[in-house]
Amino acid sequence: MELIFTARSRRQEGTAYTGMSTHNLQADVNMSAGTGSADDPKQAQITIKNEGSQRWSGVIHIELAFDKRQPRFFLPAFMYGRNRGEAPQNVPNEFPRIRDGKPSHPSSP
């Protein structure tokens, strides 16, 4: 299991996430238990250390990369547009449902 760490400082210009070393941060990962199965998921203890001289404030993004063999999942933000309240919701009620074959879109009334 490989965790990928990036960060975005409150002080930086822009919204790009960059490597932890850019922010003088270090991540330590201790795998404590679990086989990785659904019944016994892996458990990790993550410690973030600020090695810089200034106080750090921002967002740390932790990503878990994994093998994707025939994935069968949907991300709501992609299925329903931007998934935000500013757009009108005057659309037919269609709900996601996985169907066999090649339907025009994965939904049902």
C-alpha atoms as a PDB file:
ATOM      1  CA  MET A   1       0.000   0.000   0.000  1.00  0.00           C
ATOM      2  CA  GLU A   2       1.514   3.279  -1.104  1.00  0.00           C
ATOM      3  CA  LEU A   3       0.179   6.572   0.185  1.00  0.00           C
ATOM      4  CA  ILE A   4       0.849   9.724  -1.835  1.00  0.00           C
ATOM      5  CA  PHE A   5       1.096  12.971   0.144  1.00  0.00           C
ATOM      6  CA  THR A   6       0.686  16.490  -1.245  1.00  0.00           C
ATOM      7  CA  ALA A   7      -0.122  19.772   0.472  1.00  0.00           C
ATOM      8  CA  ARG A   8      -1.417  23.291  -0.128  1.00  0.00           C
ATOM      9  CA  SER A   9      -0.397  26.075   2.240  1.00  0.00           C
ATOM     10  CA  ARG A  10      -2.782  28.807   3.302  1.00  0.00           C
ATOM     11  CA  ARG A  11      -0.031  31.337   2.476  1.00  0.00           C
ATOM     12  CA  GLN A  12       0.718  30.183  -1.065  1.00  0.00           C
ATOM     13  CA  GLU A  13      -0.655  31.785  -4.198  1.00  0.00           C
ATOM     14  CA  GLY A  14      -2.878  29.567  -6.276  1.00  0.00           C
ATOM     15  CA  THR A  15      -4.576  26.314  -5.384  1.00  0.00           C
ATOM     16  CA  ALA A  16      -2.035  23.748  -6.596  1.00  0.00           C
ATOM     17  CA  TYR A  17      -1.026  20.888  -4.306  1.00  0.00           C
ATOM     18  CA  THR A  18       2.719  20.267  -4.220  1.00  0.00           C
ATOM     19  CA  GLY A  19       5.079  17.807  -2.570  1.00  0.00           C
ATOM     20  CA  MET A  20       5.438  17.768   1.199  1.00  0.00           C
ATOM     21  CA  SER A  21       9.108  18.810   1.056  1.00  0.00           C
ATOM     22  CA  THR A  22       8.054  22.055  -0.658  1.00  0.00           C
ATOM     23  CA  HIS A  23       6.261  22.954   2.586  1.00  0.00           C
ATOM     24  CA  ASN A  24       8.991  21.639   4.927  1.00  0.00           C
ATOM     25  CA  LEU A  25       6.631  18.852   6.001  1.00  0.00           C
ATOM     26  CA  GLN A  26       7.457  15.199   6.537  1.00  0.00           C
ATOM     27  CA  ALA A  27       4.965  12.312   6.659  1.00  0.00           C
ATOM     28  CA  ASP A  28       5.646   9.103   8.549  1.00  0.00           C
ATOM     29  CA  VAL A  29       3.369   6.098   8.013  1.00  0.00           C
ATOM     30  CA  ASN A  30       3.121   3.193  10.460  1.00  0.00           C
ATOM     31  CA  MET A  31       1.081   0.238   9.206  1.00  0.00           C
ATOM     32  CA  SER A  32      -0.433  -1.138  12.406  1.00  0.00           C
ATOM     33  CA  ALA A  33      -2.860  -3.920  11.438  1.00  0.00           C
ATOM     34  CA  GLY A  34      -5.103  -5.492   8.818  1.00  0.00           C
ATOM     35  CA  THR A  35      -4.705  -7.783   5.847  1.00  0.00           C
ATOM     36  CA  GLY A  36      -6.348  -5.430   3.355  1.00  0.00           C
ATOM     37  CA  SER A  37      -9.522  -7.474   2.891  1.00  0.00           C
ATOM     38  CA  ALA A  38     -13.021  -6.011   3.284  1.00  0.00           C
ATOM     39  CA  ASP A  39     -13.398  -7.825   6.608  1.00  0.00           C
ATOM     40  CA  ASP A  40      -9.969  -6.790   7.895  1.00  0.00           C
ATOM     41  CA  PRO A  41      -8.939  -3.468   6.292  1.00  0.00           C
ATOM     42  CA  LYS A  42      -5.401  -2.205   6.648  1.00  0.00           C
ATOM     43  CA  GLN A  43      -4.884   0.412   9.327  1.00  0.00           C
ATOM     44  CA  ALA A  44      -2.292   3.155   9.161  1.00  0.00           C
ATOM     45  CA  GLN A  45      -1.138   5.706  11.685  1.00  0.00           C
ATOM     46  CA  ILE A  46       0.062   8.860   9.934  1.00  0.00           C
ATOM     47  CA  THR A  47       2.226  11.478  11.627  1.00  0.00           C
ATOM     48  CA  ILE A  48       2.908  14.818   9.933  1.00  0.00           C
ATOM     49  CA  LYS A  49       5.923  16.771  11.157  1.00  0.00           C
ATOM     50  CA  ASN A  50       6.632  20.443  10.398  1.00  0.00           C
ATOM     51  CA  GLU A  51      10.390  20.699   9.896  1.00  0.00           C
ATOM     52  CA  GLY A  52      10.261  24.409   9.077  1.00  0.00           C
ATOM     53  CA  SER A  53      10.812  27.334  11.424  1.00  0.00           C
ATOM     54  CA  GLN A  54       7.363  28.895  10.763  1.00  0.00           C
ATOM     55  CA  ARG A  55       3.973  27.635  11.855  1.00  0.00           C
ATOM     56  CA  TRP A  56       2.265  25.838   8.962  1.00  0.00           C
ATOM     57  CA  SER A  57      -1.424  26.037   8.108  1.00  0.00           C
ATOM     58  CA  GLY A  58      -3.116  24.496   5.093  1.00  0.00           C
ATOM     59  CA  VAL A  59      -4.559  21.323   3.617  1.00  0.00           C
ATOM     60  CA  ILE A  60      -2.798  17.975   3.386  1.00  0.00           C
ATOM     61  CA  HIS A  61      -4.063  15.585   0.716  1.00  0.00           C
ATOM     62  CA  ILE A  62      -3.460  11.856   1.200  1.00  0.00           C
ATOM     63  CA  GLU A  63      -4.120   9.583  -1.764  1.00  0.00           C
ATOM     64  CA  LEU A  64      -4.179   5.801  -1.847  1.00  0.00           C
ATOM     65  CA  ALA A  65      -3.290   4.364  -5.230  1.00  0.00           C
ATOM     66  CA  PHE A  66      -4.605   0.885  -5.985  1.00  0.00           C
ATOM     67  CA  ASP A  67      -5.021  -1.531  -8.873  1.00  0.00           C
ATOM     68  CA  LYS A  68      -8.257  -0.849 -10.718  1.00  0.00           C
ATOM     69  CA  ARG A  69      -9.462  -4.041 -12.385  1.00  0.00           C
ATOM     70  CA  GLN A  70     -12.796  -3.410 -14.090  1.00  0.00           C
ATOM     71  CA  PRO A  71     -13.962  -0.732 -11.625  1.00  0.00           C
ATOM     72  CA  ARG A  72     -17.729  -0.505 -11.160  1.00  0.00           C
ATOM     73  CA  PHE A  73     -18.386   2.677  -9.210  1.00  0.00           C
ATOM     74  CA  PHE A  74     -19.800   6.097  -9.962  1.00  0.00           C
ATOM     75  CA  LEU A  75     -18.824   9.480  -8.589  1.00  0.00           C
ATOM     76  CA  PRO A  76     -21.909  11.595  -7.802  1.00  0.00           C
ATOM     77  CA  ALA A  77     -20.319  14.902  -8.819  1.00  0.00           C
ATOM     78  CA  PHE A  78     -19.790  13.534 -12.330  1.00  0.00           C
ATOM     79  CA  MET A  79     -23.249  11.994 -12.582  1.00  0.00           C
ATOM     80  CA  TYR A  80     -25.187  14.992 -11.322  1.00  0.00           C
ATOM     81  CA  GLY A  81     -23.128  17.844 -12.716  1.00  0.00           C
ATOM     82  CA  ARG A  82     -21.167  19.968 -10.289  1.00  0.00           C
ATOM     83  CA  ASN A  83     -23.122  18.622  -7.321  1.00  0.00           C
ATOM     84  CA  ARG A  84     -23.623  22.131  -5.950  1.00  0.00           C
ATOM     85  CA  GLY A  85     -26.708  24.096  -5.000  1.00  0.00           C
ATOM     86  CA  GLU A  86     -26.237  27.086  -7.336  1.00  0.00           C
ATOM     87  CA  ALA A  87     -27.662  25.289 -10.397  1.00  0.00           C
ATOM     88  CA  PRO A  88     -31.429  24.743 -10.807  1.00  0.00           C
ATOM     89  CA  GLN A  89     -32.529  21.166 -10.248  1.00  0.00           C
ATOM     90  CA  ASN A  90     -35.353  21.171 -12.841  1.00  0.00           C
ATOM     91  CA  VAL A  91     -34.391  17.866 -14.380  1.00  0.00           C
ATOM     92  CA  PRO A  92     -36.237  14.545 -14.641  1.00  0.00           C
ATOM     93  CA  ASN A  93     -35.735  12.351 -11.587  1.00  0.00           C
ATOM     94  CA  GLU A  94     -33.181   9.826 -12.708  1.00  0.00           C
ATOM     95  CA  PHE A  95     -31.218   7.752 -10.256  1.00  0.00           C
ATOM     96  CA  PRO A  96     -28.003   5.814 -10.905  1.00  0.00           C
ATOM     97  CA  ARG A  97     -28.336   2.121 -11.528  1.00  0.00           C
ATOM     98  CA  ILE A  98     -25.803  -0.212 -13.094  1.00  0.00           C
ATOM     99  CA  ARG A  99     -27.326  -1.958 -16.105  1.00  0.00           C
ATOM    100  CA  ASP A 100     -26.011  -4.633 -18.451  1.00  0.00           C
ATOM    101  CA  GLY A 101     -25.144  -3.764 -22.017  1.00  0.00           C
ATOM    102  CA  LYS A 102     -24.293  -0.266 -23.235  1.00  0.00           C
ATOM    103  CA  PRO A 103     -27.134   1.998 -22.118  1.00  0.00           C
ATOM    104  CA  SER A 104     -27.053   5.702 -23.034  1.00  0.00           C
ATOM    105  CA  HIS A 105     -26.615   6.524 -19.351  1.00  0.00           C
ATOM    106  CA  PRO A 106     -26.692   4.476 -16.145  1.00  0.00           C
ATOM    107  CA  SER A 107     -30.039   5.509 -14.669  1.00  0.00           C
ATOM    108  CA  SER A 108     -33.632   4.493 -14.167  1.00  0.00           C
ATOM    109  CA  PRO A 109     -36.826   6.531 -13.678  1.00  0.00           C
END
